[in-house]
Amino acid sequence: PEGFTVLDTQGWSGCVTVLTTVTCAASSLAAGERRAFLIDVQAPASGGDYIVSARVSSNETDPNLSDNFDLGATLILEP
């Protein structure tokens, strides 16, 4: 989310960070295969509710596009 700073990415090679968007590319995945990665961020000093999103895409036809996007919410409390 806006205000967060990406510090590091781990798990996939070829990750690129532009502002608060991290894009990682995998050369190939078999059907049902999973890949995990970690994005280390620094949260803003101000508290509040923040929404994080993730999206995947492929050059191949995907019969189920509904599982290619997810949202996560987090609440940061001020000290």
N, C-alpha and C. Protein backbone atom coordinates (compact mmCIF):
# COMPACT_ATOMS: atom_id res chain seq x y z
N PRO A 1 0.82 -1.20 0.00
CA PRO A 1 0.00 0.00 0.00
C PRO A 1 0.86 1.26 0.00
N GLU A 2 0.26 2.36 -0.36
CA GLU A 2 0.97 3.64 -0.34
C GLU A 2 1.48 3.90 1.07
N GLY A 3 2.71 4.39 1.17
CA GLY A 3 3.30 4.66 2.47
C GLY A 3 4.22 3.55 2.95
N PHE A 4 4.08 2.35 2.39
CA PHE A 4 4.96 1.24 2.74
C PHE A 4 6.22 1.32 1.87
N THR A 5 7.34 0.85 2.40
CA THR A 5 8.59 0.82 1.66
C THR A 5 9.03 -0.63 1.51
N VAL A 6 9.26 -1.08 0.27
CA VAL A 6 9.74 -2.44 0.04
C VAL A 6 11.23 -2.47 0.36
N LEU A 7 11.62 -3.36 1.28
CA LEU A 7 13.02 -3.47 1.70
C LEU A 7 13.74 -4.61 0.98
N ASP A 8 13.04 -5.74 0.74
CA ASP A 8 13.69 -6.91 0.16
C ASP A 8 12.63 -7.87 -0.36
N THR A 9 13.03 -8.69 -1.33
CA THR A 9 12.17 -9.77 -1.82
C THR A 9 12.99 -11.05 -1.78
N GLN A 10 12.33 -12.17 -1.43
CA GLN A 10 13.00 -13.46 -1.38
C GLN A 10 12.07 -14.53 -1.92
N GLY A 11 12.64 -15.54 -2.54
CA GLY A 11 11.85 -16.69 -2.97
C GLY A 11 11.85 -16.89 -4.47
N TRP A 12 11.79 -15.85 -5.22
CA TRP A 12 11.84 -15.96 -6.68
C TRP A 12 12.94 -15.06 -7.18
N SER A 13 13.65 -15.51 -8.16
CA SER A 13 14.61 -14.61 -8.79
C SER A 13 13.85 -13.77 -9.81
N GLY A 14 14.44 -12.71 -10.22
CA GLY A 14 13.82 -11.88 -11.24
C GLY A 14 12.73 -10.96 -10.73
N CYS A 15 12.74 -10.63 -9.43
CA CYS A 15 11.75 -9.71 -8.89
C CYS A 15 12.21 -8.27 -9.13
N VAL A 16 11.26 -7.43 -9.49
CA VAL A 16 11.52 -6.02 -9.75
C VAL A 16 10.55 -5.21 -8.90
N THR A 17 11.06 -4.17 -8.21
CA THR A 17 10.22 -3.31 -7.39
C THR A 17 10.17 -1.92 -8.00
N VAL A 18 8.94 -1.43 -8.20
CA VAL A 18 8.72 -0.05 -8.67
C VAL A 18 7.73 0.57 -7.69
N LEU A 19 8.21 1.53 -6.90
CA LEU A 19 7.42 2.16 -5.84
C LEU A 19 6.91 1.08 -4.89
N THR A 20 5.60 0.83 -4.83
CA THR A 20 5.07 -0.19 -3.93
C THR A 20 4.57 -1.42 -4.67
N THR A 21 4.96 -1.59 -5.92
CA THR A 21 4.57 -2.76 -6.69
C THR A 21 5.78 -3.66 -6.92
N VAL A 22 5.64 -4.93 -6.54
CA VAL A 22 6.69 -5.92 -6.76
C VAL A 22 6.20 -6.89 -7.83
N THR A 23 7.00 -7.08 -8.88
CA THR A 23 6.66 -8.01 -9.94
C THR A 23 7.73 -9.09 -9.99
N CYS A 24 7.30 -10.36 -9.93
CA CYS A 24 8.22 -11.49 -9.99
C CYS A 24 7.80 -12.39 -11.14
N ALA A 25 8.78 -12.91 -11.87
CA ALA A 25 8.50 -13.77 -13.02
C ALA A 25 9.05 -15.17 -12.76
N ALA A 26 8.26 -16.17 -13.08
CA ALA A 26 8.70 -17.57 -13.03
C ALA A 26 8.67 -18.09 -14.46
N SER A 27 9.74 -18.73 -14.89
CA SER A 27 9.81 -19.17 -16.28
C SER A 27 8.75 -20.20 -16.61
N SER A 28 8.43 -21.08 -15.66
CA SER A 28 7.37 -22.06 -15.91
C SER A 28 6.88 -22.64 -14.58
N LEU A 29 5.62 -23.01 -14.57
CA LEU A 29 5.00 -23.69 -13.44
C LEU A 29 4.13 -24.81 -13.99
N ALA A 30 4.21 -25.97 -13.39
CA ALA A 30 3.33 -27.07 -13.77
C ALA A 30 1.95 -26.83 -13.18
N ALA A 31 0.94 -27.45 -13.76
CA ALA A 31 -0.42 -27.33 -13.23
C ALA A 31 -0.43 -27.74 -11.77
N GLY A 32 -0.97 -26.89 -10.91
CA GLY A 32 -1.06 -27.18 -9.49
C GLY A 32 0.20 -26.89 -8.70
N GLU A 33 1.29 -26.54 -9.37
CA GLU A 33 2.53 -26.24 -8.67
C GLU A 33 2.41 -24.93 -7.90
N ARG A 34 3.09 -24.85 -6.78
CA ARG A 34 3.05 -23.65 -5.94
C ARG A 34 4.44 -23.03 -5.88
N ARG A 35 4.47 -21.73 -5.73
CA ARG A 35 5.71 -20.99 -5.47
C ARG A 35 5.43 -20.03 -4.32
N ALA A 36 6.38 -19.92 -3.43
CA ALA A 36 6.24 -19.01 -2.29
C ALA A 36 7.31 -17.94 -2.40
N PHE A 37 6.99 -16.75 -1.92
CA PHE A 37 7.97 -15.68 -1.86
C PHE A 37 7.63 -14.76 -0.70
N LEU A 38 8.61 -13.99 -0.30
CA LEU A 38 8.47 -13.09 0.84
C LEU A 38 8.81 -11.68 0.39
N ILE A 39 7.95 -10.75 0.73
CA ILE A 39 8.23 -9.33 0.47
C ILE A 39 8.36 -8.66 1.84
N ASP A 40 9.55 -8.18 2.13
CA ASP A 40 9.84 -7.53 3.41
C ASP A 40 9.59 -6.03 3.23
N VAL A 41 8.68 -5.48 4.04
CA VAL A 41 8.33 -4.07 3.91
C VAL A 41 8.46 -3.35 5.24
N GLN A 42 8.60 -2.04 5.15
CA GLN A 42 8.55 -1.18 6.32
C GLN A 42 7.23 -0.43 6.27
N ALA A 43 6.45 -0.55 7.33
CA ALA A 43 5.15 0.11 7.39
C ALA A 43 5.33 1.59 7.69
N PRO A 44 4.35 2.40 7.31
CA PRO A 44 4.42 3.83 7.63
C PRO A 44 4.29 4.05 9.14
N ALA A 45 4.77 5.21 9.59
CA ALA A 45 4.73 5.53 11.02
C ALA A 45 3.31 5.78 11.50
N SER A 46 2.43 6.22 10.60
CA SER A 46 1.05 6.50 11.01
C SER A 46 0.22 5.22 11.01
N GLY A 47 -0.63 5.09 11.99
CA GLY A 47 -1.49 3.92 12.09
C GLY A 47 -2.64 3.99 11.11
N GLY A 48 -3.35 2.90 10.98
CA GLY A 48 -4.52 2.86 10.12
C GLY A 48 -4.75 1.49 9.53
N ASP A 49 -5.82 1.38 8.74
CA ASP A 49 -6.14 0.15 8.03
C ASP A 49 -5.47 0.20 6.66
N TYR A 50 -4.83 -0.89 6.27
CA TYR A 50 -4.15 -0.96 4.98
C TYR A 50 -4.57 -2.23 4.26
N ILE A 51 -4.73 -2.14 2.96
CA ILE A 51 -5.09 -3.28 2.12
C ILE A 51 -3.91 -3.63 1.23
N VAL A 52 -3.53 -4.91 1.24
CA VAL A 52 -2.46 -5.42 0.40
C VAL A 52 -3.10 -6.33 -0.63
N SER A 53 -2.65 -6.24 -1.88
CA SER A 53 -3.22 -7.10 -2.92
C SER A 53 -2.13 -7.88 -3.63
N ALA A 54 -2.52 -9.02 -4.19
CA ALA A 54 -1.61 -9.85 -4.98
C ALA A 54 -2.37 -10.35 -6.20
N ARG A 55 -1.66 -10.41 -7.33
CA ARG A 55 -2.28 -10.84 -8.58
C ARG A 55 -1.28 -11.71 -9.33
N VAL A 56 -1.76 -12.74 -9.99
CA VAL A 56 -0.91 -13.56 -10.86
C VAL A 56 -1.49 -13.57 -12.26
N SER A 57 -0.62 -13.78 -13.23
CA SER A 57 -1.07 -13.88 -14.62
C SER A 57 -0.17 -14.86 -15.36
N SER A 58 -0.62 -15.27 -16.53
CA SER A 58 0.11 -16.26 -17.32
C SER A 58 -0.11 -16.02 -18.80
N ASN A 59 0.83 -16.48 -19.58
CA ASN A 59 0.65 -16.46 -21.04
C ASN A 59 -0.25 -17.59 -21.51
N GLU A 60 -0.45 -18.59 -20.66
CA GLU A 60 -1.30 -19.75 -20.98
C GLU A 60 -2.75 -19.44 -20.62
N THR A 61 -3.67 -20.16 -21.24
CA THR A 61 -5.09 -20.02 -20.93
C THR A 61 -5.36 -20.57 -19.53
N ASP A 62 -6.06 -19.79 -18.73
CA ASP A 62 -6.40 -20.20 -17.36
C ASP A 62 -7.91 -20.37 -17.28
N PRO A 63 -8.38 -21.60 -17.04
CA PRO A 63 -9.83 -21.82 -16.99
C PRO A 63 -10.50 -21.26 -15.74
N ASN A 64 -9.72 -20.85 -14.73
CA ASN A 64 -10.30 -20.34 -13.49
C ASN A 64 -9.60 -19.04 -13.10
N LEU A 65 -10.05 -17.93 -13.64
CA LEU A 65 -9.43 -16.64 -13.35
C LEU A 65 -9.78 -16.12 -11.95
N SER A 66 -10.78 -16.71 -11.30
CA SER A 66 -11.23 -16.21 -10.00
C SER A 66 -10.20 -16.42 -8.89
N ASP A 67 -9.23 -17.32 -9.08
CA ASP A 67 -8.24 -17.56 -8.04
C ASP A 67 -6.90 -16.89 -8.34
N ASN A 68 -6.90 -15.88 -9.19
CA ASN A 68 -5.67 -15.20 -9.57
C ASN A 68 -5.47 -13.86 -8.87
N PHE A 69 -6.31 -13.53 -7.89
CA PHE A 69 -6.24 -12.25 -7.20
C PHE A 69 -6.64 -12.46 -5.75
N ASP A 70 -5.96 -11.76 -4.85
CA ASP A 70 -6.32 -11.86 -3.43
C ASP A 70 -6.03 -10.53 -2.73
N LEU A 71 -6.78 -10.26 -1.68
CA LEU A 71 -6.61 -9.06 -0.86
C LEU A 71 -6.35 -9.49 0.57
N GLY A 72 -5.56 -8.70 1.28
CA GLY A 72 -5.35 -8.93 2.69
C GLY A 72 -5.41 -7.58 3.41
N ALA A 73 -6.00 -7.56 4.57
CA ALA A 73 -6.13 -6.32 5.33
C ALA A 73 -5.28 -6.41 6.58
N THR A 74 -4.68 -5.31 6.96
CA THR A 74 -3.93 -5.27 8.21
C THR A 74 -4.20 -3.94 8.90
N LEU A 75 -4.23 -3.96 10.20
CA LEU A 75 -4.43 -2.77 11.02
C LEU A 75 -3.13 -2.47 11.74
N ILE A 76 -2.62 -1.26 11.57
CA ILE A 76 -1.40 -0.83 12.25
C ILE A 76 -1.80 0.18 13.32
N LEU A 77 -1.44 -0.13 14.55
CA LEU A 77 -1.76 0.75 15.68
C LEU A 77 -0.57 1.65 15.96
N GLU A 78 -0.83 2.89 16.24
CA GLU A 78 0.23 3.82 16.62
C GLU A 78 0.71 3.48 18.03
N PRO A 79 2.02 3.61 18.26
CA PRO A 79 2.53 3.27 19.60
C PRO A 79 2.02 4.21 20.67
